[in-house]
C-alpha cells in the first residue's frame, strides 16, 4: 500500500486513523514511518511546523495513543486498535493484577501510583515525584519506557515553553497518562474483551493486509516486544 505524503498534523492524524499504526522513526518495514513519509524540508525548518511540532495536535485530532510502543521508540496507534494492542502487550493483566500476582517490576510501581493519583503529569513533574534518590533517577527512563511498551502508560500531549511574545520554543515536554484515563470507559470496556491470543491474531491479520511488503517476522516484531 502506498501511503500519502505527510505535510501537516491534520494529514498525519487522518492517516493514523485510517491505517491504525504508524511508527515515528524509520524501522524494519520500508516506507512505514512518519520519518519516511514527511518531506525532508519539513524537518527542523525555521518558522515551519514539522513532525516534531505535529505530535500534540495529531494526538488530539485523532484521539490516538502515542508512546514508545515499538522497540522502545515512538509509534501512533489509533483508538480502534489500541485496546487489542494493549490487551496483547499486557497479556490480559491490568497493573493491579500484575502487582497482586508479583509480576510487576518494583521500580515501575511508584510511577503507576503517581499516575493513578494524578492521571496527567508532565514528564518533569512525574520524574520529580518518583525520583527521591540518585538510583531512582537513573531508573526512571527505563521504567517509563517499559511501562509504555507494556501499554500501561501513554503520552496524552506535549507542552512547550513560550517566550515573552508567546512564541513556543524548545523541545516539548510529554504529558504522561494511562490509557484508562486517556480513553476512558471505551478503553476499559474493550481492552480485555478478547483473549491476548485473539487480539494478536486480529492485529496480525490487519497488518499483514496493510503491509504486504512486510515479512511475518517484521509484523511479529512490530506487535511483540512485550
Protein backbone atom coordinates (compact mmCIF):
# COMPACT_ATOMS: atom_id res chain seq x y z
CA UNK A 1 0.00 0.00 0.00
CA UNK A 2 1.28 3.48 -0.88
CA UNK A 3 0.81 5.98 1.90
CA UNK A 4 0.26 9.72 1.33
CA UNK A 5 2.98 12.31 1.83
CA UNK A 6 2.60 14.00 5.21
CA UNK A 7 2.64 17.78 5.23
CA UNK A 8 0.54 18.68 8.29
CA UNK A 9 -0.68 17.43 11.63
CA UNK A 10 -4.14 17.01 10.13
CA UNK A 11 -2.85 14.67 7.42
CA UNK A 12 -0.87 12.73 9.99
CA UNK A 13 -3.92 12.32 12.23
CA UNK A 14 -6.06 11.22 9.28
CA UNK A 15 -3.51 8.60 8.23
CA UNK A 16 -3.20 7.18 11.75
CA UNK A 17 -6.97 6.97 11.99
CA UNK A 18 -7.13 5.27 8.60
CA UNK A 19 -4.38 2.66 8.90
CA UNK A 20 -4.21 2.19 12.66
CA UNK A 21 -0.44 2.04 13.21
CA UNK A 22 2.41 4.37 12.25
CA UNK A 23 5.92 4.42 13.76
CA UNK A 24 7.55 7.81 14.12
CA UNK A 25 11.03 6.74 13.05
CA UNK A 26 12.21 4.58 10.18
CA UNK A 27 12.14 0.89 11.12
CA UNK A 28 12.32 -2.56 9.60
CA UNK A 29 9.38 -2.08 7.25
CA UNK A 30 10.30 0.18 4.37
CA UNK A 31 8.11 3.23 3.80
CA UNK A 32 6.18 2.75 7.03
CA UNK A 33 7.05 5.71 9.27
CA UNK A 34 6.43 9.40 9.75
CA UNK A 35 10.12 9.93 9.04
CA UNK A 36 9.89 8.38 5.57
CA UNK A 37 6.55 9.93 4.64
CA UNK A 38 7.47 13.53 5.50
CA UNK A 39 9.43 15.74 3.06
CA UNK A 40 12.92 16.48 4.34
CA UNK A 41 12.37 20.24 4.15
CA UNK A 42 9.76 20.00 6.94
CA UNK A 43 12.25 18.61 9.46
CA UNK A 44 13.77 21.26 11.75
CA UNK A 45 12.86 24.14 9.41
CA UNK A 46 12.78 27.62 10.99
CA UNK A 47 9.27 29.01 11.16
CA UNK A 48 7.71 25.84 9.70
CA UNK A 49 5.91 23.19 11.73
CA UNK A 50 7.05 19.65 11.08
CA UNK A 51 6.71 16.16 12.62
CA UNK A 52 8.08 17.23 16.00
CA UNK A 53 5.51 20.02 16.27
CA UNK A 54 2.70 17.84 14.87
CA UNK A 55 2.80 15.30 17.67
CA UNK A 56 0.46 17.00 20.13
CA UNK A 57 -2.04 18.26 17.52
CA UNK A 58 -2.10 14.84 15.83
CA UNK A 59 -2.78 13.05 19.11
CA UNK A 60 -5.63 15.45 19.87
CA UNK A 61 -7.11 15.35 16.36
CA UNK A 62 -7.04 11.56 16.02
CA UNK A 63 -7.69 10.79 19.68
CA UNK A 64 -4.98 8.17 19.29
CA UNK A 65 -2.40 6.58 21.53
CA UNK A 66 1.19 7.76 21.22
CA UNK A 67 4.23 6.45 23.03
CA UNK A 68 7.25 4.20 22.91
CA UNK A 69 5.41 1.12 21.72
CA UNK A 70 7.81 -0.15 19.04
CA UNK A 71 11.16 -1.43 20.31
CA UNK A 72 11.36 1.47 22.74
CA UNK A 73 10.63 4.02 20.02
CA UNK A 74 7.58 6.15 19.36
CA UNK A 75 4.53 4.97 17.43
CA UNK A 76 0.99 6.23 16.86
CA UNK A 77 -1.84 3.70 17.31
CA UNK A 78 -5.48 4.53 16.58
CA UNK A 79 -8.15 4.32 19.25
CA UNK A 80 -9.75 1.49 17.25
CA UNK A 81 -6.77 -0.85 17.52
CA UNK A 82 -5.13 0.23 20.76
CA UNK A 83 -7.36 -1.81 23.13
CA UNK A 84 -6.40 -5.07 21.44
CA UNK A 85 -2.76 -3.99 21.20
CA UNK A 86 -2.76 -3.20 24.94
CA UNK A 87 -4.51 -6.47 25.75
CA UNK A 88 -1.79 -8.44 23.98
CA UNK A 89 1.10 -6.41 25.38
CA UNK A 90 -0.34 -6.62 28.91
CA UNK A 91 -1.03 -10.35 28.47
CA UNK A 92 -4.53 -9.71 29.81
CA UNK A 93 -3.38 -8.19 33.12
CA UNK A 94 -4.26 -4.77 34.43
CA UNK A 95 -1.47 -3.32 36.55
CA UNK A 96 -3.27 -4.05 39.84
CA UNK A 97 -3.48 -7.74 38.95
CA UNK A 98 0.15 -7.74 37.88
CA UNK A 99 1.13 -6.35 41.29
CA UNK A 100 -1.12 -8.81 43.16
CA UNK A 101 0.50 -11.77 41.41
CA UNK A 102 4.02 -10.48 41.91
CA UNK A 103 4.57 -9.87 38.19
CA UNK A 104 5.14 -6.10 38.31
CA UNK A 105 8.67 -4.73 38.39
CA UNK A 106 9.19 -2.95 41.70
CA UNK A 107 10.68 0.16 40.15
CA UNK A 108 7.61 0.56 37.91
CA UNK A 109 5.13 0.64 40.79
CA UNK A 110 5.86 4.22 42.05
CA UNK A 111 5.38 5.57 38.51
CA UNK A 112 1.97 3.93 38.19
CA UNK A 113 0.92 5.01 41.67
CA UNK A 114 1.69 8.64 40.86
CA UNK A 115 -0.29 8.43 37.61
CA UNK A 116 -3.23 6.91 39.45
CA UNK A 117 -3.14 9.85 41.89
CA UNK A 118 -2.63 12.46 39.16
CA UNK A 119 -3.66 10.99 35.79
CA UNK A 120 -1.98 13.65 33.60
CA UNK A 121 1.55 14.70 34.57
CA UNK A 122 4.32 16.48 32.71
CA UNK A 123 7.42 14.33 32.37
CA UNK A 124 9.45 16.57 34.68
CA UNK A 125 6.69 16.56 37.32
CA UNK A 126 6.37 12.79 37.25
CA UNK A 127 10.12 12.36 37.47
CA UNK A 128 10.36 14.74 40.43
CA UNK A 129 7.65 12.85 42.29
CA UNK A 130 9.16 9.39 41.95
CA UNK A 131 12.89 10.17 41.89
CA UNK A 132 13.80 10.58 45.54
CA UNK A 133 17.28 9.08 45.15
CA UNK A 134 20.05 9.01 42.58
CA UNK A 135 19.23 5.33 41.94
CA UNK A 136 15.62 6.19 41.17
CA UNK A 137 16.69 8.95 38.78
CA UNK A 138 18.81 6.53 36.79
CA UNK A 139 15.95 4.01 36.70
CA UNK A 140 13.18 6.40 35.73
CA UNK A 141 13.80 6.46 31.97
CA UNK A 142 13.88 2.69 31.88
CA UNK A 143 10.65 2.43 33.88
CA UNK A 144 8.69 4.93 31.80
CA UNK A 145 9.79 3.25 28.58
CA UNK A 146 8.96 -0.22 29.92
CA UNK A 147 5.51 0.91 31.04
CA UNK A 148 4.82 2.35 27.60
CA UNK A 149 5.99 -0.86 25.93
CA UNK A 150 3.57 -2.75 28.20
CA UNK A 151 0.81 -0.25 27.34
CA UNK A 152 0.20 0.86 30.91
CA UNK A 153 1.35 4.40 30.07
CA UNK A 154 0.94 6.60 27.01
CA UNK A 155 1.56 10.23 26.08
CA UNK A 156 -1.53 12.44 26.06
CA UNK A 157 0.02 15.64 24.68
CA UNK A 158 3.11 17.86 24.65
CA UNK A 159 3.56 21.22 26.34
CA UNK A 160 6.05 23.87 25.19
CA UNK A 161 7.76 26.79 26.86
CA UNK A 162 6.89 30.24 25.47
CA UNK A 163 8.95 33.39 25.13
CA UNK A 164 7.78 36.90 26.05
CA UNK A 165 5.96 37.22 22.72
CA UNK A 166 4.08 33.97 23.32
CA UNK A 167 6.05 32.01 20.73
CA UNK A 168 6.79 28.40 21.64
CA UNK A 169 10.40 27.23 21.75
CA UNK A 170 12.48 24.23 22.75
CA UNK A 171 11.54 20.58 22.97
CA UNK A 172 8.01 19.80 24.05
CA UNK A 173 7.52 18.12 27.42
CA UNK A 174 5.49 14.92 27.29
CA UNK A 175 2.29 14.70 29.32
CA UNK A 176 2.16 11.15 30.64
CA UNK A 177 -1.07 9.37 31.46
CA UNK A 178 -2.65 5.92 31.45
CA UNK A 179 -4.84 4.57 28.63
CA UNK A 180 -7.64 4.17 31.16
CA UNK A 181 -7.54 7.90 31.93
CA UNK A 182 -6.91 8.97 28.34
CA UNK A 183 -9.58 6.89 26.58
CA UNK A 184 -12.00 6.44 29.47
CA UNK A 185 -14.80 3.90 29.58
CA UNK A 186 -14.44 2.97 25.91
CA UNK A 187 -10.99 1.56 26.60
CA UNK A 188 -11.93 -0.11 29.89
CA UNK A 189 -14.87 -1.85 28.22
CA UNK A 190 -12.90 -3.24 25.29
CA UNK A 191 -9.31 -3.81 26.45
CA UNK A 192 -9.89 -7.31 27.90
CA UNK A 193 -12.85 -8.28 25.73
CA UNK A 194 -10.74 -10.79 23.79
CA UNK A 195 -8.02 -13.14 24.93
CA UNK A 196 -4.49 -11.86 24.29
CA UNK A 197 -4.13 -14.52 21.61
CA UNK A 198 -7.32 -13.39 19.86
CA UNK A 199 -6.17 -9.78 19.98
CA UNK A 200 -2.82 -10.72 18.47
CA UNK A 201 -4.42 -12.70 15.64
CA UNK A 202 -6.71 -9.82 14.74
CA UNK A 203 -3.88 -7.28 14.73
CA UNK A 204 -1.60 -9.61 12.76
CA UNK A 205 -4.26 -10.08 10.09
CA UNK A 206 -4.79 -6.32 9.82
CA UNK A 207 -1.08 -5.51 9.49
CA UNK A 208 -0.42 -8.35 7.07
CA UNK A 209 -3.08 -6.93 4.76
CA UNK A 210 -1.92 -3.34 5.29
CA UNK A 211 1.79 -4.11 4.76
CA UNK A 212 2.14 -6.79 2.06
CA UNK A 213 5.82 -5.90 1.72
CA UNK A 214 6.50 -6.89 5.34
CA UNK A 215 7.66 -10.35 6.36
CA UNK A 216 5.93 -12.32 9.10
CA UNK A 217 8.91 -11.69 11.41
CA UNK A 218 8.68 -7.94 10.80
CA UNK A 219 4.97 -7.98 11.71
CA UNK A 220 5.79 -10.02 14.78
CA UNK A 221 8.48 -7.51 15.81
CA UNK A 222 6.02 -4.64 15.37
CA UNK A 223 3.44 -6.28 17.62
CA UNK A 224 5.76 -8.06 20.01
CA UNK A 225 8.43 -6.99 22.48
CA UNK A 226 6.17 -7.21 25.48
